[in-house]
Amino acid sequence: MNFPKDPVMLLSVVNTALRDYYKSFDALVEDNEVDGDDIIARLASIDYHYDSSQNRFK
């Protein structure tokens, strides 16, 4: 999966993937071999944080 650099676009791509394909953020990171900490930091820069109970960034 190609992850955009823009945090707003990244939010859309990640939340869509979590909703449609992955049961957790860790599964998305592992399957795509990406740096989860980098994604978390980029989304935190626009004040979005992962909610594991809802499996999405909000």
N, C-alpha and C. Protein backbone atom coordinates (compact mmCIF):
# COMPACT_ATOMS: atom_id res chain seq x y z
N MET A 1 0.84 -1.17 0.00
CA MET A 1 0.00 0.00 0.00
C MET A 1 0.89 1.23 0.00
N ASN A 2 0.49 2.23 -0.75
CA ASN A 2 1.23 3.48 -0.81
C ASN A 2 0.62 4.47 0.18
N PHE A 3 1.43 4.95 1.11
CA PHE A 3 0.96 5.89 2.12
C PHE A 3 1.39 7.30 1.75
N PRO A 4 0.43 8.22 1.67
CA PRO A 4 0.75 9.60 1.29
C PRO A 4 1.55 10.32 2.38
N LYS A 5 2.28 11.33 1.98
CA LYS A 5 3.05 12.14 2.92
C LYS A 5 2.15 13.14 3.65
N ASP A 6 1.16 13.69 2.96
CA ASP A 6 0.26 14.67 3.54
C ASP A 6 -0.53 14.03 4.69
N PRO A 7 -0.50 14.61 5.89
CA PRO A 7 -1.17 13.99 7.03
C PRO A 7 -2.68 13.81 6.85
N VAL A 8 -3.36 14.74 6.21
CA VAL A 8 -4.81 14.62 6.02
C VAL A 8 -5.13 13.47 5.07
N MET A 9 -4.37 13.36 4.01
CA MET A 9 -4.57 12.25 3.07
C MET A 9 -4.18 10.93 3.74
N LEU A 10 -3.12 10.96 4.54
CA LEU A 10 -2.70 9.76 5.28
C LEU A 10 -3.81 9.30 6.21
N LEU A 11 -4.44 10.21 6.90
CA LEU A 11 -5.55 9.88 7.79
C LEU A 11 -6.65 9.13 7.04
N SER A 12 -7.01 9.62 5.88
CA SER A 12 -8.05 8.98 5.09
C SER A 12 -7.64 7.57 4.66
N VAL A 13 -6.44 7.42 4.17
CA VAL A 13 -5.96 6.12 3.70
C VAL A 13 -5.87 5.12 4.86
N VAL A 14 -5.32 5.55 5.97
CA VAL A 14 -5.15 4.65 7.11
C VAL A 14 -6.50 4.24 7.69
N ASN A 15 -7.39 5.20 7.91
CA ASN A 15 -8.70 4.84 8.48
C ASN A 15 -9.51 3.96 7.54
N THR A 16 -9.41 4.20 6.26
CA THR A 16 -10.11 3.33 5.30
C THR A 16 -9.55 1.92 5.36
N ALA A 17 -8.23 1.80 5.39
CA ALA A 17 -7.60 0.47 5.47
C ALA A 17 -8.00 -0.23 6.77
N LEU A 18 -8.00 0.50 7.87
CA LEU A 18 -8.38 -0.10 9.16
C LEU A 18 -9.84 -0.56 9.12
N ARG A 19 -10.69 0.23 8.53
CA ARG A 19 -12.11 -0.13 8.47
C ARG A 19 -12.34 -1.34 7.57
N ASP A 20 -11.68 -1.36 6.42
CA ASP A 20 -11.99 -2.36 5.40
C ASP A 20 -11.14 -3.64 5.47
N TYR A 21 -9.92 -3.56 6.00
CA TYR A 21 -9.01 -4.69 5.85
C TYR A 21 -8.32 -5.18 7.12
N TYR A 22 -8.17 -4.35 8.14
CA TYR A 22 -7.34 -4.71 9.29
C TYR A 22 -8.10 -4.64 10.60
N LYS A 23 -7.82 -5.58 11.47
CA LYS A 23 -8.46 -5.62 12.79
C LYS A 23 -7.73 -4.75 13.81
N SER A 24 -6.51 -4.28 13.45
CA SER A 24 -5.75 -3.42 14.36
C SER A 24 -4.72 -2.62 13.58
N PHE A 25 -4.24 -1.54 14.21
CA PHE A 25 -3.19 -0.74 13.61
C PHE A 25 -1.90 -1.55 13.49
N ASP A 26 -1.61 -2.37 14.49
CA ASP A 26 -0.41 -3.21 14.44
C ASP A 26 -0.44 -4.15 13.24
N ALA A 27 -1.61 -4.69 12.93
CA ALA A 27 -1.73 -5.59 11.76
C ALA A 27 -1.46 -4.83 10.47
N LEU A 28 -1.97 -3.60 10.37
CA LEU A 28 -1.73 -2.77 9.18
C LEU A 28 -0.23 -2.50 9.02
N VAL A 29 0.42 -2.12 10.11
CA VAL A 29 1.86 -1.82 10.09
C VAL A 29 2.67 -3.04 9.69
N GLU A 30 2.37 -4.16 10.31
CA GLU A 30 3.11 -5.39 10.02
C GLU A 30 2.92 -5.85 8.58
N ASP A 31 1.69 -5.84 8.11
CA ASP A 31 1.38 -6.30 6.76
C ASP A 31 2.02 -5.43 5.68
N ASN A 32 2.11 -4.12 5.95
CA ASN A 32 2.65 -3.19 4.96
C ASN A 32 4.12 -2.85 5.18
N GLU A 33 4.70 -3.40 6.25
CA GLU A 33 6.11 -3.18 6.57
C GLU A 33 6.46 -1.69 6.57
N VAL A 34 5.68 -0.92 7.34
CA VAL A 34 5.90 0.52 7.45
C VAL A 34 6.24 0.85 8.90
N ASP A 35 6.73 2.06 9.11
CA ASP A 35 7.09 2.55 10.43
C ASP A 35 5.84 3.10 11.11
N GLY A 36 5.28 2.33 12.02
CA GLY A 36 4.07 2.74 12.72
C GLY A 36 4.27 4.00 13.53
N ASP A 37 5.44 4.16 14.13
CA ASP A 37 5.72 5.37 14.92
C ASP A 37 5.68 6.62 14.05
N ASP A 38 6.15 6.50 12.81
CA ASP A 38 6.12 7.63 11.89
C ASP A 38 4.67 8.00 11.54
N ILE A 39 3.86 7.01 11.27
CA ILE A 39 2.45 7.27 10.96
C ILE A 39 1.77 7.91 12.16
N ILE A 40 2.00 7.38 13.35
CA ILE A 40 1.40 7.94 14.57
C ILE A 40 1.83 9.39 14.75
N ALA A 41 3.10 9.69 14.53
CA ALA A 41 3.60 11.07 14.69
C ALA A 41 2.99 12.01 13.66
N ARG A 42 2.90 11.56 12.42
CA ARG A 42 2.32 12.43 11.38
C ARG A 42 0.84 12.71 11.65
N LEU A 43 0.12 11.71 12.13
CA LEU A 43 -1.29 11.93 12.43
C LEU A 43 -1.47 12.73 13.72
N ALA A 44 -0.57 12.58 14.66
CA ALA A 44 -0.62 13.39 15.88
C ALA A 44 -0.38 14.87 15.55
N SER A 45 0.37 15.14 14.49
CA SER A 45 0.64 16.53 14.10
C SER A 45 -0.64 17.26 13.69
N ILE A 46 -1.69 16.51 13.34
CA ILE A 46 -2.99 17.13 13.03
C ILE A 46 -4.02 16.74 14.09
N ASP A 47 -3.50 16.35 15.25
CA ASP A 47 -4.30 16.04 16.45
C ASP A 47 -5.24 14.85 16.27
N TYR A 48 -4.75 13.82 15.60
CA TYR A 48 -5.49 12.55 15.50
C TYR A 48 -4.68 11.47 16.19
N HIS A 49 -5.38 10.65 16.97
CA HIS A 49 -4.71 9.61 17.75
C HIS A 49 -5.49 8.31 17.60
N TYR A 50 -4.77 7.20 17.67
CA TYR A 50 -5.39 5.89 17.47
C TYR A 50 -6.26 5.51 18.65
N ASP A 51 -7.47 5.08 18.36
CA ASP A 51 -8.40 4.56 19.37
C ASP A 51 -8.58 3.08 19.08
N SER A 52 -7.95 2.24 19.89
CA SER A 52 -7.98 0.80 19.62
C SER A 52 -9.38 0.22 19.79
N SER A 53 -10.20 0.81 20.64
CA SER A 53 -11.55 0.28 20.84
C SER A 53 -12.42 0.49 19.60
N GLN A 54 -12.10 1.52 18.81
CA GLN A 54 -12.85 1.77 17.57
C GLN A 54 -12.03 1.43 16.33
N ASN A 55 -10.78 1.07 16.53
CA ASN A 55 -9.85 0.73 15.44
C ASN A 55 -9.81 1.81 14.38
N ARG A 56 -9.58 3.05 14.85
CA ARG A 56 -9.44 4.16 13.92
C ARG A 56 -8.73 5.33 14.61
N PHE A 57 -8.23 6.23 13.79
CA PHE A 57 -7.65 7.45 14.31
C PHE A 57 -8.76 8.48 14.37
N LYS A 58 -8.82 9.15 15.53
CA LYS A 58 -9.84 10.19 15.68
C LYS A 58 -9.32 11.32 16.52
